């Protein structure tokens, strides 16, 4: 989310134009979806590597991204 907000603010600052609220929301939703997908895939990929795998971590990841 920090990356998304930074991109929005830098884009507004560099172009000296406002970005519509709809575009901001779409950008933040896309960044959240990519982050959620990556984090869940990382957690699932640990399952067969001998690292600690816990389904509770997936629920915590979802809650963290949505919050």
C-alpha atoms as a PDB file:
ATOM      1  CA  UNK A   1       0.000   0.000   0.000  1.00  0.00           C
ATOM      2  CA  UNK A   2       2.863   2.333   0.763  1.00  0.00           C
ATOM      3  CA  UNK A   3       4.222   1.754  -2.740  1.00  0.00           C
ATOM      4  CA  UNK A   4       0.831   2.527  -4.268  1.00  0.00           C
ATOM      5  CA  UNK A   5       0.388   5.718  -2.298  1.00  0.00           C
ATOM      6  CA  UNK A   6       3.933   6.781  -3.180  1.00  0.00           C
ATOM      7  CA  UNK A   7       3.275   6.200  -6.887  1.00  0.00           C
ATOM      8  CA  UNK A   8       0.089   8.270  -6.724  1.00  0.00           C
ATOM      9  CA  UNK A   9       1.771  11.137  -4.887  1.00  0.00           C
ATOM     10  CA  UNK A  10       4.849  11.160  -7.130  1.00  0.00           C
ATOM     11  CA  UNK A  11       2.722  11.057 -10.267  1.00  0.00           C
ATOM     12  CA  UNK A  12       0.651  13.991  -9.058  1.00  0.00           C
ATOM     13  CA  UNK A  13       3.793  15.922  -8.109  1.00  0.00           C
ATOM     14  CA  UNK A  14       5.695  15.242 -11.355  1.00  0.00           C
ATOM     15  CA  UNK A  15       2.787  15.906 -13.731  1.00  0.00           C
ATOM     16  CA  UNK A  16       1.299  18.787 -11.722  1.00  0.00           C
ATOM     17  CA  UNK A  17      -2.104  17.267 -12.401  1.00  0.00           C
ATOM     18  CA  UNK A  18      -4.573  15.691 -10.076  1.00  0.00           C
ATOM     19  CA  UNK A  19      -5.412  12.042 -10.413  1.00  0.00           C
ATOM     20  CA  UNK A  20      -9.074  11.189 -10.192  1.00  0.00           C
ATOM     21  CA  UNK A  21     -10.302   9.376  -7.112  1.00  0.00           C
ATOM     22  CA  UNK A  22     -11.449   6.484  -9.298  1.00  0.00           C
ATOM     23  CA  UNK A  23      -7.936   6.053 -10.743  1.00  0.00           C
ATOM     24  CA  UNK A  24      -6.405   6.153  -7.256  1.00  0.00           C
ATOM     25  CA  UNK A  25      -8.776   3.490  -5.961  1.00  0.00           C
ATOM     26  CA  UNK A  26      -8.173   1.263  -8.989  1.00  0.00           C
ATOM     27  CA  UNK A  27      -4.398   1.560  -8.580  1.00  0.00           C
ATOM     28  CA  UNK A  28      -4.528   0.720  -4.882  1.00  0.00           C
ATOM     29  CA  UNK A  29      -6.841  -2.264  -5.483  1.00  0.00           C
ATOM     30  CA  UNK A  30      -4.487  -3.621  -8.155  1.00  0.00           C
ATOM     31  CA  UNK A  31      -1.446  -3.220  -5.922  1.00  0.00           C
ATOM     32  CA  UNK A  32      -3.297  -4.909  -3.031  1.00  0.00           C
ATOM     33  CA  UNK A  33      -4.330  -7.821  -5.254  1.00  0.00           C
ATOM     34  CA  UNK A  34      -0.773  -8.317  -6.515  1.00  0.00           C
ATOM     35  CA  UNK A  35       0.610  -8.168  -2.968  1.00  0.00           C
ATOM     36  CA  UNK A  36      -2.011 -10.595  -1.662  1.00  0.00           C
ATOM     37  CA  UNK A  37      -1.389 -13.044  -4.502  1.00  0.00           C
ATOM     38  CA  UNK A  38       2.373 -12.917  -4.045  1.00  0.00           C
ATOM     39  CA  UNK A  39       2.226 -13.367  -0.292  1.00  0.00           C
ATOM     40  CA  UNK A  40      -0.194 -16.287  -0.500  1.00  0.00           C
ATOM     41  CA  UNK A  41       1.857 -17.987  -3.223  1.00  0.00           C
ATOM     42  CA  UNK A  42       4.961 -17.553  -1.084  1.00  0.00           C
ATOM     43  CA  UNK A  43       3.225 -19.143   1.878  1.00  0.00           C
ATOM     44  CA  UNK A  44       1.941 -22.061  -0.206  1.00  0.00           C
ATOM     45  CA  UNK A  45       5.366 -22.616  -1.796  1.00  0.00           C
ATOM     46  CA  UNK A  46       6.817 -23.222   1.679  1.00  0.00           C
ATOM     47  CA  UNK A  47       4.635 -26.300   2.090  1.00  0.00           C
ATOM     48  CA  UNK A  48       7.004 -28.765   0.378  1.00  0.00           C
ATOM     49  CA  UNK A  49      10.332 -27.120   1.270  1.00  0.00           C
ATOM     50  CA  UNK A  50      10.466 -28.144   4.897  1.00  0.00           C
ATOM     51  CA  UNK A  51       9.821 -24.604   6.064  1.00  0.00           C
ATOM     52  CA  UNK A  52       7.004 -23.949   8.490  1.00  0.00           C
ATOM     53  CA  UNK A  53       3.629 -23.892   6.737  1.00  0.00           C
ATOM     54  CA  UNK A  54       0.530 -22.736   8.529  1.00  0.00           C
ATOM     55  CA  UNK A  55      -2.884 -21.981   7.081  1.00  0.00           C
ATOM     56  CA  UNK A  56      -3.322 -19.407   9.837  1.00  0.00           C
ATOM     57  CA  UNK A  57      -0.582 -17.363   8.135  1.00  0.00           C
ATOM     58  CA  UNK A  58      -2.673 -17.198   4.982  1.00  0.00           C
ATOM     59  CA  UNK A  59      -5.659 -15.886   6.941  1.00  0.00           C
ATOM     60  CA  UNK A  60      -3.413 -13.324   8.649  1.00  0.00           C
ATOM     61  CA  UNK A  61      -2.045 -12.248   5.269  1.00  0.00           C
ATOM     62  CA  UNK A  62      -5.544 -11.747   3.877  1.00  0.00           C
ATOM     63  CA  UNK A  63      -6.580  -9.771   6.954  1.00  0.00           C
ATOM     64  CA  UNK A  64      -3.439  -7.645   6.780  1.00  0.00           C
ATOM     65  CA  UNK A  65      -3.907  -6.744   3.125  1.00  0.00           C
ATOM     66  CA  UNK A  66      -7.608  -6.026   3.521  1.00  0.00           C
ATOM     67  CA  UNK A  67      -7.101  -3.959   6.635  1.00  0.00           C
END
